[in-house]
Amino acid sequence: MRVSAPAAGSELPIIVFSHGFGWSLDGYGPLVDYWAAHGCVVIQPTHVDSRTLNLPPDDPVRHGYGVSESRI
């Protein structure tokens, strides 16, 4: 996870920006920097399918995201 914010300020708006399937939060640096420079706190979660984690395609964490599933 990455949090970007202005150096000063209070009661700032918060943006939770999810980079989407199979990409990386690094790919949106200029956009996030723009929002932070204009007074927003930006929270970017790292998803288990993120390229930055370098998990192999067959890693069980990638399938089901490490959560037990109930089948009906």
Protein backbone atom coordinates (compact mmCIF):
# COMPACT_ATOMS: atom_id res chain seq x y z
CA MET A 1 0.00 0.00 0.00
CA ARG A 2 1.14 3.52 -0.70
CA VAL A 3 -0.19 6.74 0.82
CA SER A 4 0.60 10.05 -0.88
CA ALA A 5 -0.34 13.35 0.71
CA PRO A 6 0.48 17.04 0.79
CA ALA A 7 3.22 18.07 3.23
CA ALA A 8 0.72 20.12 5.25
CA GLY A 9 -2.99 20.47 5.70
CA SER A 10 -5.91 19.25 7.73
CA GLU A 11 -9.29 17.76 6.92
CA LEU A 12 -8.01 16.82 3.47
CA PRO A 13 -10.14 14.86 1.02
CA ILE A 14 -9.19 11.18 0.67
CA ILE A 15 -9.05 9.26 -2.59
CA VAL A 16 -8.79 5.46 -2.52
CA PHE A 17 -7.35 4.60 -5.92
CA SER A 18 -7.37 0.95 -6.95
CA HIS A 19 -5.10 0.39 -9.93
CA GLY A 20 -7.09 -2.49 -11.38
CA PHE A 21 -6.48 -6.02 -12.59
CA GLY A 22 -2.93 -7.12 -13.24
CA TRP A 23 -1.31 -3.71 -13.09
CA SER A 24 0.81 -1.92 -10.50
CA LEU A 25 0.32 1.16 -8.37
CA ASP A 26 3.61 2.45 -9.82
CA GLY A 27 2.00 2.98 -13.21
CA TYR A 28 -0.12 5.84 -11.90
CA GLY A 29 2.59 7.90 -10.19
CA PRO A 30 2.02 11.11 -12.17
CA LEU A 31 -1.74 11.05 -11.55
CA VAL A 32 -1.34 10.36 -7.83
CA ASP A 33 1.35 13.05 -7.54
CA TYR A 34 -1.03 15.51 -9.21
CA TRP A 35 -3.85 14.74 -6.76
CA ALA A 36 -1.49 15.01 -3.76
CA ALA A 37 -0.05 18.30 -5.05
CA HIS A 38 -3.59 19.64 -5.24
CA GLY A 39 -4.51 18.84 -1.65
CA CYS A 40 -5.71 15.23 -1.61
CA VAL A 41 -4.56 12.23 0.39
CA VAL A 42 -4.33 9.25 -1.98
CA ILE A 43 -4.37 5.67 -0.70
CA GLN A 44 -3.29 3.00 -3.19
CA PRO A 45 -3.76 -0.62 -2.08
CA THR A 46 -1.49 -3.33 -3.45
CA HIS A 47 -3.56 -6.24 -4.77
CA VAL A 48 -2.36 -9.84 -4.80
CA ASP A 49 -2.35 -9.80 -8.61
CA SER A 50 -0.07 -6.77 -8.69
CA ARG A 51 3.04 -7.06 -10.83
CA THR A 52 5.10 -5.62 -7.97
CA LEU A 53 4.57 -8.77 -5.89
CA ASN A 54 5.91 -11.05 -8.64
CA LEU A 55 3.74 -13.96 -7.57
CA PRO A 56 3.81 -16.86 -10.03
CA PRO A 57 0.53 -17.54 -11.84
CA ASP A 58 0.03 -20.82 -9.96
CA ASP A 59 0.53 -19.31 -6.49
CA PRO A 60 -2.49 -20.25 -4.33
CA VAL A 61 -2.66 -16.71 -2.94
CA ARG A 62 -3.60 -15.46 -6.42
CA HIS A 63 -6.52 -17.88 -6.64
CA GLY A 64 -9.19 -17.01 -4.12
CA TYR A 65 -6.95 -14.36 -2.60
CA GLY A 66 -6.08 -16.62 0.30
CA VAL A 67 -9.68 -16.72 1.54
CA SER A 68 -11.49 -19.95 2.23
CA GLU A 69 -14.47 -20.39 -0.03
CA SER A 70 -17.69 -22.23 0.68
CA ARG A 71 -19.20 -24.08 -2.25
CA ILE A 72 -22.96 -24.63 -2.36
